[in-house]
Amino acid sequence: MNPTDTSTEDTLDLQLPEEFVALFRGAGNDAGRAAEHGPSDLLDRLADWGPGVTTAGVLRLMPVDLARDTALVARWMNDPVVAAYWELAGPPSVTEEHLRAQLAGDGRSVPCVGTLDGAPMSYWEIYRADLDPLARYCPVRPHDTGVHVLIGDEADRGRGLGTELLRTVADLILAARPACTRVLAEPDVRNETSVAAFLGAGFRQTAVVDLPGKRAALMVRERAARGPS
């Protein structure tokens, strides 16, 4: 969900009922395995997912490095179009605090810079929707994976690039996370451009959800069912 709608600390401290957590135990990369093998297991070692090929170039999700990326992400957060929905405008320390809270957590939310042919141009948060406060407001399934995204520069907006990137990232998630059957997103319903980009990327709107701080369109991209071999 929008990081300002519920605090990152709230996301990191969410405690799920034992019977819900039990659903994960036989599925593979669950919270218990993460404690044993390292936090990256919660998202199946996102840093190792590899590239996605788009018509605009090769997309890579690079987990954030505070020293390298804070100033850039802060500049994007101060763009009025971005700030209207992310609400993280301000000095770089505001962005750094937001990023640091995720990096200091257990790996259920990973902030990334998206590069296209090596050039940084987007910011992503890939997160375990089933371990997020989003689970309090709508039905989720074990290993559902959520996406937040912003396109950094104005020149990269309004030409269909967002749709292509979202489709590619959803494909990457479903390829890298065998236990994940759905990719979720919850853009603000007022953000018609974002909602349209998700629809164009193969998501469908399944509900309108009242979340703290915003009314969200719940977007779902399901893993395509495989036919008989």
Protein backbone atom coordinates (compact mmCIF):
# COMPACT_ATOMS: atom_id res chain seq x y z
CA MET A 1 0.00 0.00 0.00
CA ASN A 2 1.04 3.62 -0.22
CA PRO A 3 3.87 3.81 2.32
CA THR A 4 2.33 6.87 3.93
CA ASP A 5 -1.06 5.27 4.49
CA THR A 6 0.23 2.95 7.17
CA SER A 7 3.69 3.42 8.61
CA THR A 8 6.55 1.25 7.48
CA GLU A 9 7.06 0.34 11.10
CA ASP A 10 3.49 -0.96 11.17
CA THR A 11 4.23 -3.04 8.08
CA LEU A 12 7.32 -4.54 9.64
CA ASP A 13 5.61 -5.35 12.95
CA LEU A 14 2.45 -6.96 11.59
CA GLN A 15 1.66 -10.15 13.47
CA LEU A 16 -0.57 -12.66 11.71
CA PRO A 17 -2.78 -15.25 13.44
CA GLU A 18 -1.09 -18.59 13.97
CA GLU A 19 -3.59 -20.42 11.80
CA PHE A 20 -2.83 -18.06 8.89
CA VAL A 21 0.92 -18.36 9.33
CA ALA A 22 0.51 -22.14 9.34
CA LEU A 23 -0.60 -21.96 5.71
CA PHE A 24 2.93 -20.90 4.75
CA ARG A 25 4.85 -23.60 6.54
CA GLY A 26 4.54 -26.21 3.83
CA ALA A 27 4.84 -23.79 0.93
CA GLY A 28 8.57 -23.11 0.90
CA ASN A 29 9.89 -19.58 1.34
CA ASP A 30 7.94 -18.50 4.42
CA ALA A 31 8.77 -16.39 7.42
CA GLY A 32 10.14 -19.38 9.31
CA ARG A 33 12.58 -20.19 6.53
CA ALA A 34 13.58 -16.56 6.29
CA ALA A 35 14.62 -16.63 9.94
CA GLU A 36 16.78 -19.69 9.20
CA HIS A 37 18.24 -18.78 5.82
CA GLY A 38 18.16 -14.97 5.79
CA PRO A 39 15.63 -12.21 5.15
CA SER A 40 15.93 -12.34 1.36
CA ASP A 41 14.03 -15.64 1.38
CA LEU A 42 10.76 -13.81 2.04
CA LEU A 43 10.93 -12.59 -1.56
CA ASP A 44 12.96 -15.46 -3.00
CA ARG A 45 16.22 -13.52 -3.25
CA LEU A 46 14.97 -10.58 -5.25
CA ALA A 47 18.50 -9.34 -5.90
CA ASP A 48 19.11 -12.49 -7.96
CA TRP A 49 15.97 -12.31 -10.11
CA GLY A 50 17.82 -11.08 -13.18
CA PRO A 51 16.65 -8.71 -15.93
CA GLY A 52 13.38 -8.34 -17.77
CA VAL A 53 13.33 -7.45 -21.46
CA THR A 54 10.97 -4.70 -22.61
CA THR A 55 10.54 -2.96 -25.95
CA ALA A 56 12.18 0.10 -24.36
CA GLY A 57 15.24 -1.75 -23.08
CA VAL A 58 16.43 -4.14 -20.40
CA LEU A 59 14.86 -3.57 -16.99
CA ARG A 60 16.65 -4.48 -13.78
CA LEU A 61 15.42 -4.12 -10.21
CA MET A 62 18.37 -3.02 -8.06
CA PRO A 63 17.80 -3.20 -4.28
CA VAL A 64 18.36 0.26 -2.86
CA ASP A 65 21.77 1.27 -1.57
CA LEU A 66 21.30 4.26 0.74
CA ALA A 67 24.58 5.96 -0.14
CA ARG A 68 24.04 5.52 -3.86
CA ASP A 69 20.30 6.05 -4.23
CA THR A 70 18.86 8.29 -1.49
CA ALA A 71 19.44 11.61 -3.24
CA LEU A 72 17.97 10.36 -6.51
CA VAL A 73 14.87 8.83 -4.94
CA ALA A 74 14.40 11.97 -2.82
CA ARG A 75 14.45 14.10 -5.98
CA TRP A 76 11.76 11.92 -7.50
CA MET A 77 9.68 12.10 -4.31
CA ASN A 78 9.73 15.89 -4.54
CA ASP A 79 8.20 15.94 -8.01
CA PRO A 80 4.68 17.34 -7.45
CA VAL A 81 3.05 14.56 -9.49
CA VAL A 82 4.75 11.92 -7.33
CA ALA A 83 4.35 13.79 -4.05
CA ALA A 84 0.58 14.01 -4.49
CA TYR A 85 0.30 10.25 -3.91
CA TRP A 86 3.47 9.20 -2.08
CA GLU A 87 3.50 12.15 0.36
CA LEU A 88 7.25 11.87 0.96
CA ALA A 89 8.29 15.29 -0.26
CA GLY A 90 10.88 17.11 1.83
CA PRO A 91 14.59 16.92 2.52
CA PRO A 92 16.53 13.75 1.66
CA SER A 93 16.27 12.67 5.31
CA VAL A 94 12.54 12.01 4.79
CA THR A 95 13.26 9.60 1.96
CA GLU A 96 16.22 8.07 3.80
CA GLU A 97 14.06 7.29 6.83
CA HIS A 98 11.47 5.62 4.61
CA LEU A 99 14.07 3.52 2.82
CA ARG A 100 16.05 2.66 5.96
CA ALA A 101 12.96 1.31 7.73
CA GLN A 102 12.47 -1.24 4.95
CA LEU A 103 16.14 -2.15 4.71
CA ALA A 104 16.30 -2.70 8.47
CA GLY A 105 13.30 -5.04 8.41
CA ASP A 106 13.01 -8.76 7.85
CA GLY A 107 12.86 -8.55 4.05
CA ARG A 108 9.11 -8.54 3.55
CA SER A 109 9.41 -5.22 1.67
CA VAL A 110 12.36 -4.48 -0.60
CA PRO A 111 12.86 -0.98 -2.07
CA CYS A 112 14.46 -1.00 -5.51
CA VAL A 113 15.62 1.39 -8.20
CA GLY A 114 14.55 0.27 -11.64
CA THR A 115 17.14 0.78 -14.35
CA LEU A 116 16.44 0.68 -18.06
CA ASP A 117 19.53 -0.22 -20.07
CA GLY A 118 21.54 0.79 -17.00
CA ALA A 119 19.91 4.19 -16.47
CA PRO A 120 17.96 4.68 -13.19
CA MET A 121 14.41 5.75 -14.06
CA SER A 122 11.90 4.28 -11.58
CA TYR A 123 11.43 3.38 -7.94
CA TRP A 124 9.76 0.14 -6.84
CA GLU A 125 8.71 -1.51 -3.63
CA ILE A 126 8.18 -5.24 -3.92
CA TYR A 127 6.49 -6.57 -0.81
CA ARG A 128 4.76 -9.58 0.68
CA ALA A 129 1.12 -8.50 0.60
CA ASP A 130 0.16 -11.38 2.87
CA LEU A 131 2.52 -10.02 5.55
CA ASP A 132 1.49 -6.39 5.07
CA PRO A 133 -1.26 -4.37 6.80
CA LEU A 134 -3.09 -4.62 3.46
CA ALA A 135 -4.15 -8.08 4.69
CA ARG A 136 -6.33 -6.37 7.30
CA TYR A 137 -8.48 -4.72 4.66
CA CYS A 138 -8.94 -7.28 1.88
CA PRO A 139 -8.59 -11.03 1.35
CA VAL A 140 -5.06 -12.16 0.59
CA ARG A 141 -3.50 -15.51 -0.19
CA PRO A 142 -0.22 -16.93 1.07
CA HIS A 143 2.70 -15.48 -0.90
CA ASP A 144 0.65 -12.76 -2.63
CA THR A 145 3.23 -10.20 -3.75
CA GLY A 146 2.53 -6.48 -3.90
CA VAL A 147 3.99 -3.70 -6.04
CA HIS A 148 4.40 0.04 -5.54
CA VAL A 149 5.95 2.01 -8.37
CA LEU A 150 6.76 5.52 -9.49
CA ILE A 151 8.29 6.67 -12.76
CA GLY A 152 10.99 9.13 -11.81
CA ASP A 153 11.24 11.68 -14.59
CA GLU A 154 8.46 13.49 -16.41
CA ALA A 155 9.97 12.60 -19.78
CA ASP A 156 9.33 8.91 -19.09
CA ARG A 157 5.64 9.39 -18.31
CA GLY A 158 2.62 9.49 -20.56
CA ARG A 159 3.98 7.24 -23.33
CA GLY A 160 2.90 3.80 -22.17
CA LEU A 161 6.19 2.94 -20.50
CA GLY A 162 4.56 2.37 -17.11
CA THR A 163 2.28 -0.30 -18.56
CA GLU A 164 5.22 -2.13 -20.12
CA LEU A 165 7.30 -1.97 -16.94
CA LEU A 166 4.44 -3.23 -14.78
CA ARG A 167 3.83 -6.15 -17.11
CA THR A 168 7.52 -7.03 -17.05
CA VAL A 169 7.86 -6.78 -13.27
CA ALA A 170 4.73 -8.90 -12.75
CA ASP A 171 6.26 -11.50 -15.08
CA LEU A 172 9.52 -11.39 -13.11
CA ILE A 173 7.70 -11.89 -9.81
CA LEU A 174 5.67 -14.85 -11.03
CA ALA A 175 8.72 -16.46 -12.64
CA ALA A 176 10.96 -16.00 -9.58
CA ARG A 177 8.38 -16.88 -6.92
CA PRO A 178 6.79 -20.27 -7.67
CA ALA A 179 4.64 -20.11 -4.52
CA CYS A 180 3.15 -16.76 -5.56
CA THR A 181 -0.08 -17.03 -7.55
CA ARG A 182 -1.05 -13.33 -7.59
CA VAL A 183 0.59 -9.94 -7.91
CA LEU A 184 -1.36 -7.17 -6.16
CA ALA A 185 -1.36 -3.37 -6.23
CA GLU A 186 -3.54 -0.73 -4.62
CA PRO A 187 -3.16 2.62 -6.39
CA ASP A 188 -5.25 5.55 -5.24
CA VAL A 189 -8.55 5.49 -7.16
CA ARG A 190 -7.98 9.15 -8.04
CA ASN A 191 -4.79 8.23 -9.87
CA GLU A 192 -6.49 7.30 -13.12
CA THR A 193 -3.20 7.14 -15.01
CA SER A 194 -1.82 4.53 -12.63
CA VAL A 195 -5.01 2.46 -12.64
CA ALA A 196 -5.01 2.49 -16.46
CA ALA A 197 -1.36 1.37 -16.53
CA PHE A 198 -2.13 -1.62 -14.31
CA LEU A 199 -5.13 -2.56 -16.44
CA GLY A 200 -2.99 -2.37 -19.57
CA ALA A 201 -0.41 -4.62 -17.90
CA GLY A 202 -2.88 -7.46 -17.41
CA PHE A 203 -4.17 -6.61 -13.95
CA ARG A 204 -7.89 -6.44 -13.22
CA GLN A 205 -9.63 -4.29 -10.66
CA THR A 206 -11.35 -6.56 -8.16
CA ALA A 207 -12.52 -4.06 -5.53
CA VAL A 208 -12.32 -0.58 -4.12
CA VAL A 209 -10.78 -0.72 -0.65
CA ASP A 210 -10.84 1.94 2.04
CA LEU A 211 -7.31 2.07 3.46
CA PRO A 212 -5.92 4.49 6.02
CA GLY A 213 -5.33 7.70 4.13
CA LYS A 214 -6.72 6.70 0.75
CA ARG A 215 -9.39 4.90 -1.22
CA ALA A 216 -7.60 2.30 -3.33
CA ALA A 217 -8.35 0.30 -6.43
CA LEU A 218 -7.33 -3.27 -5.66
CA MET A 219 -5.57 -4.53 -8.78
CA VAL A 220 -4.82 -8.24 -9.24
CA ARG A 221 -2.69 -10.04 -11.81
CA GLU A 222 -3.13 -13.80 -11.50
CA ARG A 223 -0.75 -16.48 -12.61
CA ALA A 224 -2.13 -17.90 -15.86
CA ALA A 225 -3.44 -21.41 -15.44
CA ARG A 226 -1.44 -23.99 -17.29
CA GLY A 227 -3.23 -26.30 -19.69
CA PRO A 228 -2.70 -30.05 -19.80
CA SER A 229 0.78 -31.08 -20.91
